[in-house]
Amino acid sequence: MLLNSQFIMRTLAFREALKAVNSLEKFKGTTFVRTFAPAHFEGGEWYTGGDCLRKRPFTSNEIVLEGLNLEFYKSQVEEFRVAEKEGKIKGKKFRLLDVTQAMLLSPDGHPSKYGHLQPEKVKNKDSVQWCLPGPIDSWNNFLFHMLKMEQQEIG
C-alpha cells in the first residue's frame, strides 16, 4: 500500500510525542494515550462535498475501519506498544485509551452544517474537529474508568 505524506507525518508526530514522554528522566507518572477518532464523511471527503448527516450511530455490521484509517490506527497501537515497553524499563506507565472503534460507530456526534447559523454559507462540513458532547462525554467516561482502575492498582 502506498502511504501518503499525511499518514507518514501523523505517524512520525505520534512516535515523537511518545519518545518525548519517555525522555523525561524525572517523570514516573502514568501517560494516557488516546487513539484517533475517524471522520464520517459520506459522498466524498470534506473538500469534495462529503457530508456527515447521520442522526443515529452505526451498528457494528454497518461500517468497518479500513484503508488509511485502519493503517493509522494500527500504527498508533504499534507505536504505543513500543513506547510502553521502553517506558516500563524507565519506570513509566502507559495506558491506551482506545476510542477508535467506538467513535467509528458514532457519526451522529457531528453537527455538520447544522453547527452554523443558517444565513452562513457552509462550504466545507466538519466531521472531525467539531463534535457534539456525546462522543467526548464517552471519552471522559472511558478515562474516568481507567483512572479508577489505576487507583485500585496502586492500592
N, C-alpha and C. Protein backbone atom coordinates (compact mmCIF):
# COMPACT_ATOMS: atom_id res chain seq x y z
N MET A 1 0.84 -1.18 0.00
CA MET A 1 0.00 0.00 0.00
C MET A 1 0.89 1.24 0.00
N LEU A 2 0.62 2.13 -0.91
CA LEU A 2 1.34 3.38 -0.99
C LEU A 2 0.82 4.31 0.10
N LEU A 3 1.69 4.73 0.98
CA LEU A 3 1.27 5.59 2.08
C LEU A 3 1.50 7.05 1.71
N ASN A 4 0.51 7.87 1.98
CA ASN A 4 0.66 9.28 1.63
C ASN A 4 1.43 10.04 2.70
N SER A 5 1.87 11.24 2.36
CA SER A 5 2.71 12.02 3.26
C SER A 5 1.98 12.41 4.54
N GLN A 6 0.66 12.65 4.47
CA GLN A 6 -0.10 13.00 5.67
C GLN A 6 -0.07 11.84 6.67
N PHE A 7 -0.23 10.62 6.19
CA PHE A 7 -0.17 9.44 7.05
C PHE A 7 1.20 9.35 7.71
N ILE A 8 2.24 9.51 6.93
CA ILE A 8 3.60 9.40 7.45
C ILE A 8 3.86 10.49 8.49
N MET A 9 3.45 11.71 8.21
CA MET A 9 3.66 12.81 9.16
C MET A 9 2.90 12.57 10.46
N ARG A 10 1.66 12.09 10.37
CA ARG A 10 0.88 11.82 11.58
C ARG A 10 1.53 10.73 12.41
N THR A 11 2.01 9.68 11.75
CA THR A 11 2.65 8.58 12.46
C THR A 11 3.94 9.04 13.12
N LEU A 12 4.75 9.80 12.39
CA LEU A 12 6.00 10.29 12.97
C LEU A 12 5.75 11.23 14.13
N ALA A 13 4.75 12.08 14.02
CA ALA A 13 4.42 13.00 15.12
C ALA A 13 4.00 12.22 16.35
N PHE A 14 3.20 11.19 16.16
CA PHE A 14 2.75 10.35 17.26
C PHE A 14 3.95 9.68 17.93
N ARG A 15 4.84 9.12 17.11
CA ARG A 15 6.04 8.46 17.63
C ARG A 15 6.90 9.44 18.43
N GLU A 16 7.12 10.63 17.89
CA GLU A 16 7.96 11.62 18.56
C GLU A 16 7.35 12.08 19.89
N ALA A 17 6.04 12.21 19.93
CA ALA A 17 5.38 12.60 21.18
C ALA A 17 5.60 11.54 22.26
N LEU A 18 5.49 10.28 21.89
CA LEU A 18 5.70 9.20 22.86
C LEU A 18 7.17 9.13 23.28
N LYS A 19 8.08 9.35 22.34
CA LYS A 19 9.50 9.39 22.68
C LYS A 19 9.79 10.52 23.66
N ALA A 20 9.14 11.65 23.46
CA ALA A 20 9.35 12.80 24.35
C ALA A 20 8.96 12.45 25.78
N VAL A 21 7.85 11.75 25.95
CA VAL A 21 7.43 11.33 27.29
C VAL A 21 8.48 10.41 27.90
N ASN A 22 8.95 9.46 27.10
CA ASN A 22 9.95 8.52 27.62
C ASN A 22 11.29 9.18 27.90
N SER A 23 11.55 10.33 27.30
CA SER A 23 12.84 11.00 27.54
C SER A 23 12.84 11.84 28.81
N LEU A 24 11.69 12.01 29.44
CA LEU A 24 11.60 12.80 30.67
C LEU A 24 12.11 11.95 31.84
N GLU A 25 13.35 12.21 32.23
CA GLU A 25 14.01 11.36 33.22
C GLU A 25 13.31 11.34 34.57
N LYS A 26 12.80 12.47 35.02
CA LYS A 26 12.21 12.53 36.35
C LYS A 26 10.73 12.16 36.38
N PHE A 27 10.11 12.05 35.23
CA PHE A 27 8.68 11.73 35.19
C PHE A 27 8.48 10.23 35.40
N LYS A 28 7.69 9.88 36.41
CA LYS A 28 7.40 8.48 36.70
C LYS A 28 5.90 8.22 36.75
N GLY A 29 5.13 9.12 36.19
CA GLY A 29 3.67 9.00 36.23
C GLY A 29 3.12 8.08 35.16
N THR A 30 1.83 8.15 35.01
CA THR A 30 1.12 7.37 34.01
C THR A 30 0.72 8.28 32.86
N THR A 31 0.98 7.83 31.65
CA THR A 31 0.61 8.57 30.45
C THR A 31 -0.56 7.86 29.78
N PHE A 32 -1.65 8.59 29.59
CA PHE A 32 -2.81 8.05 28.89
C PHE A 32 -2.76 8.52 27.44
N VAL A 33 -2.82 7.59 26.53
CA VAL A 33 -2.72 7.89 25.11
C VAL A 33 -4.04 7.50 24.45
N ARG A 34 -4.67 8.49 23.80
CA ARG A 34 -5.94 8.24 23.12
C ARG A 34 -5.72 7.98 21.64
N THR A 35 -6.38 6.94 21.13
CA THR A 35 -6.34 6.70 19.69
C THR A 35 -7.24 7.71 18.99
N PHE A 36 -7.10 7.80 17.69
CA PHE A 36 -7.82 8.83 16.94
C PHE A 36 -9.28 8.46 16.71
N ALA A 37 -10.07 9.49 16.44
CA ALA A 37 -11.47 9.32 16.09
C ALA A 37 -11.60 9.53 14.58
N PRO A 38 -12.04 8.52 13.85
CA PRO A 38 -12.12 8.64 12.39
C PRO A 38 -13.21 9.60 11.93
N ALA A 39 -13.00 10.15 10.74
CA ALA A 39 -14.01 11.02 10.12
C ALA A 39 -15.17 10.16 9.60
N HIS A 40 -16.30 10.79 9.37
CA HIS A 40 -17.51 10.07 8.94
C HIS A 40 -18.11 10.65 7.67
N PHE A 41 -17.29 11.03 6.74
CA PHE A 41 -17.83 11.64 5.53
C PHE A 41 -18.42 10.58 4.61
N GLU A 42 -19.54 10.93 4.02
CA GLU A 42 -20.16 10.08 3.01
C GLU A 42 -20.33 10.91 1.75
N GLY A 43 -20.15 10.29 0.60
CA GLY A 43 -20.29 11.01 -0.66
C GLY A 43 -19.08 11.85 -1.00
N GLY A 44 -17.93 11.54 -0.44
CA GLY A 44 -16.71 12.28 -0.70
C GLY A 44 -16.05 12.71 0.59
N GLU A 45 -14.90 13.32 0.46
CA GLU A 45 -14.18 13.85 1.61
C GLU A 45 -14.69 15.26 1.89
N TRP A 46 -14.20 15.89 2.95
CA TRP A 46 -14.67 17.23 3.32
C TRP A 46 -14.44 18.24 2.21
N TYR A 47 -13.37 18.06 1.45
CA TYR A 47 -13.02 19.02 0.41
C TYR A 47 -13.63 18.69 -0.95
N THR A 48 -14.38 17.59 -1.04
CA THR A 48 -15.02 17.22 -2.31
C THR A 48 -16.52 17.09 -2.17
N GLY A 49 -17.08 17.70 -1.14
CA GLY A 49 -18.53 17.69 -0.99
C GLY A 49 -19.08 16.62 -0.07
N GLY A 50 -18.21 15.86 0.58
CA GLY A 50 -18.68 14.85 1.53
C GLY A 50 -19.40 15.50 2.70
N ASP A 51 -20.24 14.73 3.35
CA ASP A 51 -21.01 15.27 4.46
C ASP A 51 -21.20 14.19 5.51
N CYS A 52 -21.58 14.59 6.71
CA CYS A 52 -21.85 13.65 7.80
C CYS A 52 -23.18 14.05 8.44
N LEU A 53 -24.23 13.55 7.87
CA LEU A 53 -25.58 13.96 8.29
C LEU A 53 -26.31 12.91 9.12
N ARG A 54 -25.62 11.87 9.52
CA ARG A 54 -26.28 10.79 10.25
C ARG A 54 -26.84 11.28 11.58
N LYS A 55 -27.98 10.72 11.94
CA LYS A 55 -28.63 11.11 13.19
C LYS A 55 -28.68 9.97 14.19
N ARG A 56 -28.06 8.85 13.85
CA ARG A 56 -28.02 7.71 14.76
C ARG A 56 -26.68 6.99 14.57
N PRO A 57 -26.23 6.27 15.57
CA PRO A 57 -24.97 5.54 15.44
C PRO A 57 -25.08 4.40 14.43
N PHE A 58 -23.95 4.00 13.90
CA PHE A 58 -23.89 2.79 13.09
C PHE A 58 -24.01 1.58 14.01
N THR A 59 -24.44 0.46 13.49
CA THR A 59 -24.30 -0.80 14.21
C THR A 59 -22.96 -1.40 13.77
N SER A 60 -22.44 -2.34 14.52
CA SER A 60 -21.10 -2.86 14.24
C SER A 60 -20.99 -3.55 12.89
N ASN A 61 -22.11 -3.97 12.29
CA ASN A 61 -22.02 -4.61 10.98
C ASN A 61 -22.26 -3.64 9.82
N GLU A 62 -22.46 -2.35 10.11
CA GLU A 62 -22.70 -1.36 9.06
C GLU A 62 -21.42 -0.69 8.56
N ILE A 63 -20.37 -0.73 9.34
CA ILE A 63 -19.15 0.00 8.98
C ILE A 63 -17.94 -0.71 9.55
N VAL A 64 -16.84 -0.64 8.82
CA VAL A 64 -15.58 -1.22 9.30
C VAL A 64 -14.47 -0.18 9.12
N LEU A 65 -13.49 -0.26 9.97
CA LEU A 65 -12.31 0.58 9.84
C LEU A 65 -11.46 0.00 8.72
N GLU A 66 -11.12 0.83 7.73
CA GLU A 66 -10.38 0.31 6.59
C GLU A 66 -9.48 1.38 5.99
N GLY A 67 -8.69 0.99 5.02
CA GLY A 67 -7.84 1.91 4.29
C GLY A 67 -6.82 2.60 5.18
N LEU A 68 -6.59 3.89 4.90
CA LEU A 68 -5.60 4.64 5.67
C LEU A 68 -6.01 4.79 7.13
N ASN A 69 -7.31 4.84 7.41
CA ASN A 69 -7.75 4.91 8.81
C ASN A 69 -7.30 3.68 9.58
N LEU A 70 -7.47 2.50 8.97
CA LEU A 70 -7.04 1.26 9.62
C LEU A 70 -5.53 1.25 9.79
N GLU A 71 -4.81 1.66 8.75
CA GLU A 71 -3.35 1.68 8.82
C GLU A 71 -2.87 2.65 9.90
N PHE A 72 -3.50 3.82 9.99
CA PHE A 72 -3.09 4.78 11.01
C PHE A 72 -3.39 4.24 12.41
N TYR A 73 -4.55 3.63 12.58
CA TYR A 73 -4.90 3.05 13.87
C TYR A 73 -3.87 1.99 14.27
N LYS A 74 -3.55 1.10 13.34
CA LYS A 74 -2.58 0.04 13.63
C LYS A 74 -1.22 0.63 13.97
N SER A 75 -0.82 1.69 13.26
CA SER A 75 0.47 2.31 13.55
C SER A 75 0.45 2.98 14.92
N GLN A 76 -0.68 3.59 15.30
CA GLN A 76 -0.78 4.20 16.64
C GLN A 76 -0.61 3.14 17.72
N VAL A 77 -1.30 2.02 17.56
CA VAL A 77 -1.22 0.96 18.57
C VAL A 77 0.20 0.39 18.61
N GLU A 78 0.80 0.21 17.45
CA GLU A 78 2.17 -0.31 17.40
C GLU A 78 3.15 0.66 18.08
N GLU A 79 3.04 1.95 17.78
CA GLU A 79 3.92 2.94 18.40
C GLU A 79 3.67 3.01 19.91
N PHE A 80 2.42 2.87 20.31
CA PHE A 80 2.09 2.85 21.73
C PHE A 80 2.80 1.68 22.41
N ARG A 81 2.72 0.50 21.81
CA ARG A 81 3.34 -0.71 22.41
C ARG A 81 4.85 -0.54 22.55
N VAL A 82 5.48 0.04 21.53
CA VAL A 82 6.93 0.29 21.59
C VAL A 82 7.25 1.24 22.75
N ALA A 83 6.51 2.34 22.85
CA ALA A 83 6.74 3.31 23.92
C ALA A 83 6.46 2.70 25.29
N GLU A 84 5.40 1.90 25.37
CA GLU A 84 5.05 1.26 26.63
C GLU A 84 6.17 0.34 27.10
N LYS A 85 6.73 -0.43 26.18
CA LYS A 85 7.82 -1.35 26.52
C LYS A 85 9.06 -0.58 26.99
N GLU A 86 9.42 0.47 26.26
CA GLU A 86 10.57 1.29 26.65
C GLU A 86 10.30 2.00 27.98
N GLY A 87 9.09 2.51 28.14
CA GLY A 87 8.74 3.22 29.36
C GLY A 87 8.77 2.34 30.59
N LYS A 88 8.37 1.10 30.43
CA LYS A 88 8.36 0.16 31.57
C LYS A 88 9.77 0.02 32.15
N ILE A 89 10.76 -0.04 31.29
CA ILE A 89 12.15 -0.14 31.73
C ILE A 89 12.56 1.10 32.52
N LYS A 90 11.98 2.24 32.17
CA LYS A 90 12.33 3.52 32.81
C LYS A 90 11.40 3.89 33.96
N GLY A 91 10.51 2.98 34.35
CA GLY A 91 9.62 3.24 35.47
C GLY A 91 8.39 4.06 35.13
N LYS A 92 8.03 4.10 33.86
CA LYS A 92 6.85 4.85 33.42
C LYS A 92 5.73 3.88 33.08
N LYS A 93 4.52 4.39 33.15
CA LYS A 93 3.37 3.57 32.76
C LYS A 93 2.62 4.27 31.64
N PHE A 94 2.23 3.50 30.67
CA PHE A 94 1.40 3.98 29.57
C PHE A 94 0.10 3.20 29.57
N ARG A 95 -0.98 3.90 29.31
CA ARG A 95 -2.29 3.27 29.19
C ARG A 95 -2.93 3.74 27.89
N LEU A 96 -3.54 2.81 27.18
CA LEU A 96 -4.15 3.13 25.89
C LEU A 96 -5.64 3.36 26.06
N LEU A 97 -6.08 4.55 25.74
CA LEU A 97 -7.49 4.90 25.73
C LEU A 97 -7.95 4.74 24.28
N ASP A 98 -8.40 3.55 23.97
CA ASP A 98 -8.72 3.18 22.58
C ASP A 98 -10.17 3.54 22.27
N VAL A 99 -10.35 4.69 21.63
CA VAL A 99 -11.70 5.17 21.31
C VAL A 99 -12.05 4.98 19.84
N THR A 100 -11.13 4.47 19.05
CA THR A 100 -11.33 4.45 17.59
C THR A 100 -12.58 3.69 17.18
N GLN A 101 -12.75 2.47 17.64
CA GLN A 101 -13.93 1.69 17.23
C GLN A 101 -15.23 2.33 17.72
N ALA A 102 -15.23 2.79 18.95
CA ALA A 102 -16.44 3.43 19.48
C ALA A 102 -16.79 4.68 18.68
N MET A 103 -15.78 5.47 18.30
CA MET A 103 -16.05 6.69 17.54
C MET A 103 -16.38 6.39 16.08
N LEU A 104 -15.86 5.29 15.55
CA LEU A 104 -16.24 4.88 14.20
C LEU A 104 -17.74 4.65 14.12
N LEU A 105 -18.31 4.13 15.19
CA LEU A 105 -19.75 3.83 15.24
C LEU A 105 -20.60 5.04 15.59
N SER A 106 -19.98 6.21 15.81
CA SER A 106 -20.72 7.39 16.29
C SER A 106 -20.70 8.56 15.31
N PRO A 107 -21.18 8.38 14.09
CA PRO A 107 -21.18 9.50 13.15
C PRO A 107 -22.20 10.56 13.51
N ASP A 108 -23.08 10.26 14.44
CA ASP A 108 -24.12 11.20 14.85
C ASP A 108 -23.60 12.27 15.79
N GLY A 109 -22.32 12.24 16.11
CA GLY A 109 -21.75 13.19 17.05
C GLY A 109 -21.24 14.48 16.44
N HIS A 110 -21.50 14.71 15.16
CA HIS A 110 -21.02 15.91 14.49
C HIS A 110 -22.19 16.77 14.04
N PRO A 111 -22.10 18.07 14.22
CA PRO A 111 -23.21 18.94 13.82
C PRO A 111 -23.25 19.23 12.33
N SER A 112 -22.14 18.92 11.60
CA SER A 112 -22.07 19.18 10.17
C SER A 112 -22.47 20.62 9.88
N LYS A 113 -23.32 20.84 8.91
CA LYS A 113 -23.73 22.20 8.56
C LYS A 113 -24.66 22.80 9.59
N TYR A 114 -25.21 21.98 10.50
CA TYR A 114 -26.14 22.47 11.50
C TYR A 114 -25.43 23.15 12.66
N GLY A 115 -24.11 23.18 12.65
CA GLY A 115 -23.35 23.86 13.69
C GLY A 115 -23.11 25.33 13.38
N HIS A 116 -23.77 25.84 12.34
CA HIS A 116 -23.58 27.22 11.90
C HIS A 116 -24.94 27.90 11.78
N LEU A 117 -24.92 29.21 11.85
CA LEU A 117 -26.15 29.96 11.60
C LEU A 117 -26.56 29.74 10.15
N GLN A 118 -27.83 29.59 9.90
CA GLN A 118 -28.30 29.27 8.56
C GLN A 118 -27.92 30.29 7.49
N PRO A 119 -27.90 31.59 7.78
CA PRO A 119 -27.51 32.51 6.72
C PRO A 119 -26.08 32.28 6.23
N GLU A 120 -25.25 31.68 7.10
CA GLU A 120 -23.87 31.40 6.69
C GLU A 120 -23.88 30.35 5.60
N LYS A 121 -23.12 30.58 4.57
CA LYS A 121 -22.96 29.55 3.55
C LYS A 121 -21.83 28.64 4.00
N VAL A 122 -22.14 27.39 4.24
CA VAL A 122 -21.14 26.45 4.71
C VAL A 122 -20.62 25.67 3.51
N LYS A 123 -19.37 25.91 3.18
CA LYS A 123 -18.76 25.26 2.03
C LYS A 123 -18.27 23.87 2.40
N ASN A 124 -17.46 23.78 3.45
CA ASN A 124 -16.90 22.50 3.88
C ASN A 124 -17.50 22.10 5.22
N LYS A 125 -17.98 20.87 5.29
CA LYS A 125 -18.57 20.37 6.53
C LYS A 125 -17.46 19.79 7.40
N ASP A 126 -17.63 19.90 8.70
CA ASP A 126 -16.61 19.41 9.61
C ASP A 126 -17.12 18.17 10.33
N SER A 127 -16.52 17.04 10.02
CA SER A 127 -16.90 15.78 10.63
C SER A 127 -15.80 15.26 11.54
N VAL A 128 -14.84 16.09 11.85
CA VAL A 128 -13.72 15.63 12.66
C VAL A 128 -13.47 16.55 13.85
N GLN A 129 -13.30 17.84 13.61
CA GLN A 129 -12.86 18.76 14.65
C GLN A 129 -13.96 19.14 15.63
N TRP A 130 -15.16 19.28 15.16
CA TRP A 130 -16.23 19.90 15.92
C TRP A 130 -17.23 18.82 16.32
N CYS A 131 -17.19 18.38 17.55
CA CYS A 131 -18.06 17.29 18.00
C CYS A 131 -19.09 17.79 18.99
N LEU A 132 -20.24 17.17 18.95
CA LEU A 132 -21.26 17.41 19.97
C LEU A 132 -20.82 16.71 21.25
N PRO A 133 -21.44 17.01 22.38
CA PRO A 133 -20.98 16.47 23.66
C PRO A 133 -20.94 14.95 23.76
N GLY A 134 -21.84 14.23 23.16
CA GLY A 134 -21.93 12.78 23.34
C GLY A 134 -20.63 12.02 23.18
N PRO A 135 -19.95 12.11 22.04
CA PRO A 135 -18.71 11.35 21.88
C PRO A 135 -17.63 11.75 22.89
N ILE A 136 -17.49 13.03 23.14
CA ILE A 136 -16.46 13.49 24.07
C ILE A 136 -16.81 13.05 25.50
N ASP A 137 -18.08 13.06 25.83
CA ASP A 137 -18.51 12.53 27.13
C ASP A 137 -18.11 11.07 27.26
N SER A 138 -18.22 10.32 26.19
CA SER A 138 -17.81 8.91 26.22
C SER A 138 -16.32 8.80 26.52
N TRP A 139 -15.50 9.65 25.89
CA TRP A 139 -14.07 9.62 26.17
C TRP A 139 -13.83 9.89 27.65
N ASN A 140 -14.53 10.87 28.20
CA ASN A 140 -14.37 11.19 29.62
C ASN A 140 -14.77 10.01 30.49
N ASN A 141 -15.84 9.32 30.13
CA ASN A 141 -16.27 8.15 30.89
C ASN A 141 -15.22 7.04 30.82
N PHE A 142 -14.66 6.81 29.63
CA PHE A 142 -13.61 5.80 29.48
C PHE A 142 -12.41 6.16 30.34
N LEU A 143 -11.99 7.43 30.27
CA LEU A 143 -10.83 7.88 31.03
C LEU A 143 -11.09 7.77 32.53
N PHE A 144 -12.26 8.16 32.98
CA PHE A 144 -12.60 8.07 34.40
C PHE A 144 -12.52 6.62 34.87
N HIS A 145 -13.03 5.70 34.07
CA HIS A 145 -12.96 4.28 34.42
C HIS A 145 -11.49 3.83 34.51
N MET A 146 -10.67 4.27 33.56
CA MET A 146 -9.26 3.90 33.59
C MET A 146 -8.55 4.48 34.81
N LEU A 147 -8.90 5.71 35.18
CA LEU A 147 -8.30 6.32 36.37
C LEU A 147 -8.69 5.55 37.63
N LYS A 148 -9.94 5.12 37.70
CA LYS A 148 -10.38 4.32 38.85
C LYS A 148 -9.61 3.00 38.90
N MET A 149 -9.38 2.39 37.74
CA MET A 149 -8.61 1.15 37.70
C MET A 149 -7.17 1.38 38.16
N GLU A 150 -6.58 2.51 37.75
CA GLU A 150 -5.22 2.86 38.18
C GLU A 150 -5.17 3.02 39.70
N GLN A 151 -6.17 3.68 40.25
CA GLN A 151 -6.21 3.91 41.69
C GLN A 151 -6.31 2.58 42.44
N GLN A 152 -7.13 1.67 41.94
CA GLN A 152 -7.26 0.35 42.57
C GLN A 152 -5.95 -0.43 42.48
N GLU A 153 -5.25 -0.28 41.36
CA GLU A 153 -3.98 -0.97 41.17
C GLU A 153 -2.92 -0.48 42.16
N ILE A 154 -2.94 0.83 42.42
CA ILE A 154 -1.98 1.43 43.35
C ILE A 154 -2.29 1.00 44.78
N GLY A 155 -3.57 0.86 45.07
CA GLY A 155 -3.94 0.39 46.39
C GLY A 155 -4.73 1.33 47.14
